[in-house]
Amino acid sequence: MRIHIATDHAGLEFSRTLQAHLANGGHEVVDHGPVEYDALDDYPAFCINAALAVARDQAAGVKTLGIVFGGSGNGEQIAANKVAGIRAALVWSMDTAILARQHNDANVISIGARQHTVEEAIRYIDAFIAEPFSGDERHVRRIGQLAEYETTGDIAGKAVDVDASTGRIVGSPAE
């Protein structure tokens, strides 16, 4: 499997260790940076590039996933999720790693390098990679709704932007 990796300065050592682990496991690893430590680096471009590569590979039929790291993993997850077709999950336990794939068909995970040991991160990543998407109808339906909103700004029949208490579109003038 091809694995796209990106980080910021906080996750650089994690990234190097995990790239070696993944390569030793037979995966093709693509590093989207950074290549050297810079305490003032900006993670968005690194993570967006990794997410773009995952989206392109998946569109081309390549079996691929992405992993992004940062101090907490929050910003990196947000950056990856800005890319159309990406479902990035913040992973902090074995359960979240497994459920990200099983229920959400996540194609990118984010891990906080300052929150976990390298050994924990390796366990989470290995579980994420090994876990298949369940394909359950309810999960397929929900993922479809997310994709619909991503491309159209609406979810047909689901009252997006409608205030449940009034039935009015959120932000519309009062009558």
Protein backbone atom coordinates (compact mmCIF):
# COMPACT_ATOMS: atom_id res chain seq x y z
CA MET A 1 0.00 0.00 0.00
CA ARG A 2 1.14 3.56 -0.64
CA ILE A 3 1.24 5.69 2.50
CA HIS A 4 1.52 9.47 2.28
CA ILE A 5 3.03 11.14 5.36
CA ALA A 6 3.31 14.77 6.43
CA THR A 7 4.09 16.52 9.69
CA ASP A 8 5.35 19.70 11.26
CA HIS A 9 8.43 20.18 13.41
CA ALA A 10 6.73 18.55 16.42
CA GLY A 11 6.22 15.30 14.54
CA LEU A 12 9.44 15.16 12.53
CA GLU A 13 11.15 12.46 14.61
CA PHE A 14 7.90 10.45 14.73
CA SER A 15 7.65 10.72 10.97
CA ARG A 16 11.16 9.43 10.37
CA THR A 17 10.68 6.46 12.69
CA LEU A 18 7.28 5.61 11.27
CA GLN A 19 8.44 5.89 7.68
CA ALA A 20 11.10 3.28 8.41
CA HIS A 21 8.53 1.06 10.19
CA LEU A 22 6.10 1.29 7.28
CA ALA A 23 8.78 0.69 4.64
CA ASN A 24 9.98 -2.36 6.58
CA GLY A 25 6.36 -3.56 6.51
CA GLY A 26 6.38 -3.49 2.71
CA HIS A 27 4.57 -0.18 2.20
CA GLU A 28 5.58 2.46 -0.30
CA VAL A 29 6.06 5.62 1.78
CA VAL A 30 5.86 9.09 0.27
CA ASP A 31 7.13 11.90 2.52
CA HIS A 32 5.48 15.30 1.98
CA GLY A 33 7.70 17.10 4.43
CA PRO A 34 9.23 18.79 6.11
CA VAL A 35 12.71 17.47 5.44
CA GLU A 36 14.46 19.31 8.25
CA TYR A 37 13.59 20.71 11.66
CA ASP A 38 12.30 24.28 11.71
CA ALA A 39 10.44 25.30 14.86
CA LEU A 40 8.58 27.95 12.85
CA ASP A 41 7.45 25.76 9.96
CA ASP A 42 3.85 25.79 8.79
CA TYR A 43 2.10 22.42 8.64
CA PRO A 44 -0.88 23.25 6.37
CA ALA A 45 0.92 22.89 3.04
CA PHE A 46 2.65 19.65 4.09
CA CYS A 47 -0.61 18.08 5.25
CA ILE A 48 -2.68 19.37 2.35
CA ASN A 49 -0.10 17.98 -0.10
CA ALA A 50 -0.27 14.58 1.56
CA ALA A 51 -4.08 14.66 1.49
CA LEU A 52 -4.13 15.76 -2.17
CA ALA A 53 -1.85 12.83 -3.02
CA VAL A 54 -4.18 10.40 -1.19
CA ALA A 55 -7.20 11.80 -3.05
CA ARG A 56 -5.41 11.60 -6.42
CA ASP A 57 -4.18 8.05 -5.78
CA GLN A 58 -7.62 6.88 -4.68
CA ALA A 59 -9.21 8.45 -7.78
CA ALA A 60 -6.65 6.54 -9.87
CA GLY A 61 -7.47 3.25 -8.13
CA VAL A 62 -4.23 3.09 -6.13
CA LYS A 63 -4.54 1.50 -2.68
CA THR A 64 -3.41 4.34 -0.44
CA LEU A 65 -3.83 6.04 2.93
CA GLY A 66 -2.34 9.08 4.64
CA ILE A 67 -0.86 9.86 8.03
CA VAL A 68 -0.28 13.38 9.36
CA PHE A 69 1.42 14.40 12.61
CA GLY A 70 1.76 17.48 14.72
CA GLY A 71 2.00 18.39 18.37
CA SER A 72 -1.66 17.62 19.01
CA GLY A 73 -2.72 16.39 15.56
CA ASN A 74 -5.66 18.79 15.56
CA GLY A 75 -4.40 21.35 13.05
CA GLU A 76 -3.01 18.65 10.79
CA GLN A 77 -6.38 16.88 10.74
CA ILE A 78 -8.15 20.15 9.94
CA ALA A 79 -5.71 20.86 7.10
CA ALA A 80 -6.14 17.39 5.57
CA ASN A 81 -9.93 17.66 5.81
CA LYS A 82 -9.86 20.77 3.59
CA VAL A 83 -9.14 18.50 0.62
CA ALA A 84 -12.17 17.19 -1.27
CA GLY A 85 -12.63 13.46 -0.77
CA ILE A 86 -10.54 13.28 2.38
CA ARG A 87 -11.94 11.94 5.62
CA ALA A 88 -9.20 12.57 8.18
CA ALA A 89 -9.70 11.30 11.72
CA LEU A 90 -7.84 12.35 14.84
CA VAL A 91 -6.63 9.12 16.43
CA TRP A 92 -5.78 8.88 20.11
CA SER A 93 -6.56 5.23 20.96
CA MET A 94 -6.86 1.81 19.41
CA ASP A 95 -10.63 2.22 19.27
CA THR A 96 -10.44 5.51 17.39
CA ALA A 97 -7.91 4.04 14.95
CA ILE A 98 -10.09 1.02 14.21
CA LEU A 99 -13.41 2.88 14.10
CA ALA A 100 -11.97 5.55 11.82
CA ARG A 101 -11.61 2.87 9.13
CA GLN A 102 -14.46 0.55 10.14
CA HIS A 103 -17.23 3.15 10.40
CA ASN A 104 -15.93 6.26 8.64
CA ASP A 105 -13.74 4.79 5.90
CA ALA A 106 -11.18 7.42 6.91
CA ASN A 107 -8.38 7.69 4.39
CA VAL A 108 -6.10 9.86 6.53
CA ILE A 109 -5.32 9.76 10.23
CA SER A 110 -3.79 12.44 12.38
CA ILE A 111 -1.81 11.72 15.52
CA GLY A 112 -0.43 14.11 18.12
CA ALA A 113 3.29 13.47 18.43
CA ARG A 114 3.36 15.22 21.79
CA GLN A 115 0.45 13.15 23.05
CA HIS A 116 1.72 9.62 22.36
CA THR A 117 4.84 7.52 22.37
CA VAL A 118 6.22 6.27 19.08
CA GLU A 119 5.21 2.75 20.12
CA GLU A 120 1.58 3.84 20.64
CA ALA A 121 1.56 5.65 17.30
CA ILE A 122 2.89 2.54 15.55
CA ARG A 123 0.13 0.42 17.10
CA TYR A 124 -2.55 2.92 16.05
CA ILE A 125 -1.19 3.18 12.52
CA ASP A 126 -0.85 -0.58 12.07
CA ALA A 127 -4.42 -1.06 13.31
CA PHE A 128 -5.71 1.72 11.02
CA ILE A 129 -4.01 0.22 7.98
CA ALA A 130 -5.14 -3.33 8.76
CA GLU A 131 -8.80 -2.48 9.49
CA PRO A 132 -11.16 -2.65 6.51
CA PHE A 133 -14.18 -0.43 6.04
CA SER A 134 -17.24 -2.39 7.19
CA GLY A 135 -19.35 -1.38 4.21
CA ASP A 136 -22.46 -1.34 6.44
CA GLU A 137 -25.32 0.50 4.74
CA ARG A 138 -25.64 3.10 7.50
CA HIS A 139 -21.96 4.01 7.23
CA VAL A 140 -22.05 4.11 3.43
CA ARG A 141 -25.15 6.36 3.61
CA ARG A 142 -23.51 8.76 6.07
CA ILE A 143 -20.28 8.97 4.10
CA GLY A 144 -22.38 9.65 1.00
CA GLN A 145 -24.10 12.51 2.80
CA LEU A 146 -20.76 14.03 3.72
CA ALA A 147 -19.58 13.77 0.11
CA GLU A 148 -22.84 15.30 -1.11
CA TYR A 149 -22.46 18.25 1.23
CA GLU A 150 -18.81 18.63 0.23
CA THR A 151 -19.74 18.95 -3.45
CA THR A 152 -23.16 20.68 -3.31
CA GLY A 153 -23.37 22.45 0.04
CA ASP A 154 -26.52 20.50 0.87
CA ILE A 155 -27.74 17.07 1.92
CA ALA A 156 -30.97 16.36 0.07
CA GLY A 157 -33.89 15.87 2.44
CA LYS A 158 -31.82 16.48 5.57
CA ALA A 159 -32.68 20.14 6.25
CA VAL A 160 -29.12 21.46 6.19
CA ASP A 161 -29.16 25.13 7.25
CA VAL A 162 -32.68 24.82 8.63
CA ASP A 163 -33.41 25.72 12.24
CA ALA A 164 -35.16 22.66 13.69
CA SER A 165 -37.27 24.77 16.05
CA THR A 166 -38.60 27.22 13.45
CA GLY A 167 -38.23 25.40 10.15
CA ARG A 168 -36.59 28.51 8.71
CA ILE A 169 -33.32 28.66 6.85
CA VAL A 170 -30.56 29.74 9.25
CA GLY A 171 -29.63 33.35 8.63
CA SER A 172 -32.77 34.25 6.68
CA PRO A 173 -34.68 37.38 7.67
CA ALA A 174 -37.59 36.96 10.06
CA GLU A 175 -41.04 37.34 8.60
